[in-house]
Amino acid sequence: MDLNRYADELQRQLATAAAAGGEDARELAARLTAPLDAAARLVLLNALSDAAGEISAELAPGSVDVRLRGGSPEFVVTVPAAPVPAAEPAAAASAQAPAPAPAPVDGEAGATTRTTLRLPDHLKTQAEVAAARDGVSVNTWLVRAVAAAIERPAGRPAAPPGTEQRANSRVTGWVR
């Protein structure tokens, strides 16, 4: 996305407003053009980032991110992975496919909160790898992981990856 046309339009409007104030106002507007250009671009980038966040909240589990490439913002849309077809044989599906991710937790429609999460580097790297493997953004992957942890019954540890937890995990009898 080219921000030049928006910055140029702002400069044109500033020059038009300054023309009404006389020569001193035009000179002041000319001196303010460069600092205002950088400030206007930063404000536009912040607005684009906020818009992408709002759109991501509506697209969950998909997402929209704004990235800077060469000083120009570009949108990156992450589409959620397609679900595994139900017609697959059960044996092949259980041997190849990981356990399905829990459905996204929405609460109120569009109600989201931005949270800063500090992870050790090795966990961040593992989360990025897992998100890429699942074909989702890191944010979506973390939301699913939190939702899965919350939905797990209290006092029960998570089952190791690739194993199913039995409904009755009680063992009785004698062992020598």
Protein backbone atom coordinates (compact mmCIF):
# COMPACT_ATOMS: atom_id res chain seq x y z
CA MET A 1 0.00 0.00 0.00
CA ASP A 2 1.46 3.33 -1.05
CA LEU A 3 1.12 6.02 1.63
CA ASN A 4 2.57 8.72 -0.64
CA ARG A 5 -0.81 9.78 -2.05
CA TYR A 6 -2.19 10.29 1.48
CA ALA A 7 0.88 12.25 2.62
CA ASP A 8 0.80 14.34 -0.58
CA GLU A 9 -2.90 15.10 -0.04
CA LEU A 10 -2.19 16.24 3.51
CA GLN A 11 0.61 18.52 2.26
CA ARG A 12 -1.70 19.95 -0.43
CA GLN A 13 -4.40 20.70 2.14
CA LEU A 14 -1.86 22.31 4.48
CA ALA A 15 -0.59 24.52 1.64
CA THR A 16 -4.17 25.51 0.73
CA ALA A 17 -4.96 26.43 4.33
CA ALA A 18 -1.69 28.39 4.65
CA ALA A 19 -2.38 30.34 1.45
CA ALA A 20 -5.32 32.01 3.18
CA GLY A 21 -2.99 33.28 5.94
CA GLY A 22 -0.53 35.18 3.76
CA GLU A 23 3.19 34.81 3.01
CA ASP A 24 4.27 34.11 6.63
CA ALA A 25 1.75 31.29 6.93
CA ARG A 26 2.91 29.77 3.61
CA GLU A 27 6.55 29.84 4.77
CA LEU A 28 5.60 28.24 8.09
CA ALA A 29 3.62 25.53 6.26
CA ALA A 30 6.62 24.84 4.01
CA ARG A 31 8.88 24.41 7.07
CA LEU A 32 6.37 22.09 8.78
CA THR A 33 5.84 19.86 5.75
CA ALA A 34 8.79 17.48 6.35
CA PRO A 35 8.18 16.86 10.10
CA LEU A 36 4.43 16.51 9.50
CA ASP A 37 5.04 14.02 6.69
CA ALA A 38 6.80 11.59 9.04
CA ALA A 39 4.19 12.10 11.77
CA ALA A 40 1.31 11.59 9.31
CA ARG A 41 2.85 8.33 8.03
CA LEU A 42 3.22 7.05 11.60
CA VAL A 43 -0.41 7.91 12.40
CA LEU A 44 -1.55 6.15 9.21
CA LEU A 45 0.47 3.04 10.12
CA ASN A 46 -1.07 3.00 13.60
CA ALA A 47 -4.55 3.30 12.09
CA LEU A 48 -3.83 0.44 9.67
CA SER A 49 -2.51 -1.72 12.51
CA ASP A 50 -5.60 -1.06 14.64
CA ALA A 51 -7.85 -1.82 11.66
CA ALA A 52 -6.02 -5.10 11.04
CA GLY A 53 -6.52 -6.03 14.70
CA GLU A 54 -10.26 -5.34 14.51
CA ILE A 55 -10.58 -7.31 11.27
CA SER A 56 -8.62 -10.22 12.80
CA ALA A 57 -11.04 -10.31 15.72
CA GLU A 58 -13.92 -10.72 13.28
CA LEU A 59 -12.09 -13.29 11.10
CA ALA A 60 -10.98 -15.60 13.93
CA PRO A 61 -9.47 -18.12 13.59
CA GLY A 62 -8.10 -16.31 10.49
CA SER A 63 -6.10 -13.12 10.86
CA VAL A 64 -4.87 -9.99 9.11
CA ASP A 65 -1.44 -8.51 9.87
CA VAL A 66 0.25 -5.32 8.69
CA ARG A 67 3.92 -5.66 7.77
CA LEU A 68 6.39 -3.02 6.61
CA ARG A 69 8.44 -3.81 3.53
CA GLY A 70 10.72 -1.08 2.31
CA GLY A 71 8.79 1.51 4.32
CA SER A 72 5.48 0.57 2.72
CA PRO A 73 2.80 -1.31 4.65
CA GLU A 74 1.32 -4.48 3.22
CA PHE A 75 -1.49 -6.67 4.50
CA VAL A 76 -0.93 -10.37 5.16
CA VAL A 77 -4.11 -12.42 5.39
CA THR A 78 -3.91 -15.80 7.13
CA VAL A 79 -6.76 -18.11 6.24
CA PRO A 80 -7.55 -20.93 8.67
CA ALA A 81 -6.60 -24.43 7.54
CA ALA A 82 -9.35 -26.43 5.87
CA PRO A 83 -10.90 -29.10 8.11
CA VAL A 84 -10.02 -32.75 7.51
CA PRO A 85 -12.79 -34.44 5.44
CA ALA A 86 -15.06 -36.68 7.52
CA ALA A 87 -15.02 -39.42 4.86
CA GLU A 88 -11.43 -40.44 5.73
CA PRO A 89 -11.09 -43.92 7.29
CA ALA A 90 -10.75 -43.69 11.06
CA ALA A 91 -7.48 -45.65 11.23
CA ALA A 92 -5.75 -43.47 8.63
CA ALA A 93 -7.07 -40.28 10.20
CA SER A 94 -5.89 -41.18 13.70
CA ALA A 95 -2.46 -42.22 12.44
CA GLN A 96 -1.83 -39.07 10.40
CA ALA A 97 -3.88 -36.16 11.71
CA PRO A 98 -3.23 -34.45 15.04
CA ALA A 99 -6.10 -34.02 17.46
CA PRO A 100 -8.51 -31.35 16.21
CA ALA A 101 -8.00 -27.90 17.67
CA PRO A 102 -10.77 -26.61 19.90
CA ALA A 103 -13.21 -24.15 18.39
CA PRO A 104 -12.28 -20.49 18.84
CA VAL A 105 -13.61 -18.89 21.98
CA ASP A 106 -15.46 -15.72 21.16
CA GLY A 107 -17.33 -14.66 24.29
CA GLU A 108 -19.14 -11.55 23.18
CA ALA A 109 -19.09 -10.92 19.45
CA GLY A 110 -15.98 -8.90 18.62
CA ALA A 111 -14.89 -8.58 22.26
CA THR A 112 -11.13 -9.04 22.40
CA THR A 113 -8.35 -7.80 24.61
CA ARG A 114 -4.78 -7.12 23.60
CA THR A 115 -2.38 -8.85 26.00
CA THR A 116 1.38 -8.74 26.14
CA LEU A 117 2.84 -12.19 26.71
CA ARG A 118 6.52 -12.67 27.52
CA LEU A 119 7.81 -16.09 26.52
CA PRO A 120 11.31 -17.54 26.78
CA ASP A 121 12.92 -17.64 23.34
CA HIS A 122 12.76 -21.44 23.08
CA LEU A 123 8.99 -21.46 23.82
CA LYS A 124 8.36 -18.67 21.32
CA THR A 125 10.23 -20.61 18.66
CA GLN A 126 8.28 -23.79 19.45
CA ALA A 127 4.98 -21.88 19.32
CA GLU A 128 5.91 -20.42 15.92
CA VAL A 129 6.79 -23.87 14.59
CA ALA A 130 3.55 -25.38 15.92
CA ALA A 131 1.48 -22.52 14.46
CA ALA A 132 3.15 -22.92 11.07
CA ARG A 133 2.57 -26.68 11.21
CA ASP A 134 -1.14 -26.06 11.89
CA GLY A 135 -1.29 -23.35 9.20
CA VAL A 136 -2.43 -20.58 11.57
CA SER A 137 -0.97 -17.41 13.03
CA VAL A 138 0.90 -17.58 16.34
CA ASN A 139 -1.88 -15.51 17.92
CA THR A 140 -4.55 -17.98 16.76
CA TRP A 141 -2.44 -20.91 17.93
CA LEU A 142 -1.97 -19.35 21.38
CA VAL A 143 -5.72 -18.59 21.68
CA ARG A 144 -6.49 -22.23 20.87
CA ALA A 145 -3.89 -23.46 23.38
CA VAL A 146 -5.35 -21.29 26.14
CA ALA A 147 -8.90 -22.38 25.25
CA ALA A 148 -7.87 -26.05 25.34
CA ALA A 149 -6.18 -25.60 28.72
CA ILE A 150 -9.24 -23.87 30.16
CA GLU A 151 -11.63 -26.54 28.83
CA ARG A 152 -9.60 -29.37 30.42
CA PRO A 153 -11.21 -30.64 33.69
CA ALA A 154 -9.62 -29.23 36.84
CA GLY A 155 -6.82 -31.29 38.38
CA ARG A 156 -6.19 -33.32 35.22
CA PRO A 157 -2.90 -32.83 33.42
CA ALA A 158 -2.91 -32.59 29.66
CA ALA A 159 -2.45 -35.88 27.83
CA PRO A 160 0.93 -36.23 26.12
CA PRO A 161 0.76 -35.23 22.44
CA GLY A 162 -0.52 -38.01 20.23
CA THR A 163 -2.22 -39.95 23.03
CA GLU A 164 -5.84 -40.05 24.05
CA GLN A 165 -6.85 -39.72 27.65
CA ARG A 166 -9.14 -42.50 28.90
CA ALA A 167 -12.46 -41.58 30.45
CA ASN A 168 -11.68 -43.75 33.51
CA SER A 169 -7.97 -43.56 34.37
CA ARG A 170 -8.32 -45.45 37.69
CA VAL A 171 -6.23 -48.59 38.11
CA THR A 172 -7.08 -51.29 40.64
CA GLY A 173 -5.45 -54.57 41.65
CA TRP A 174 -2.25 -55.92 43.12
CA VAL A 175 1.23 -55.73 41.66
CA ARG A 176 4.34 -57.59 42.79
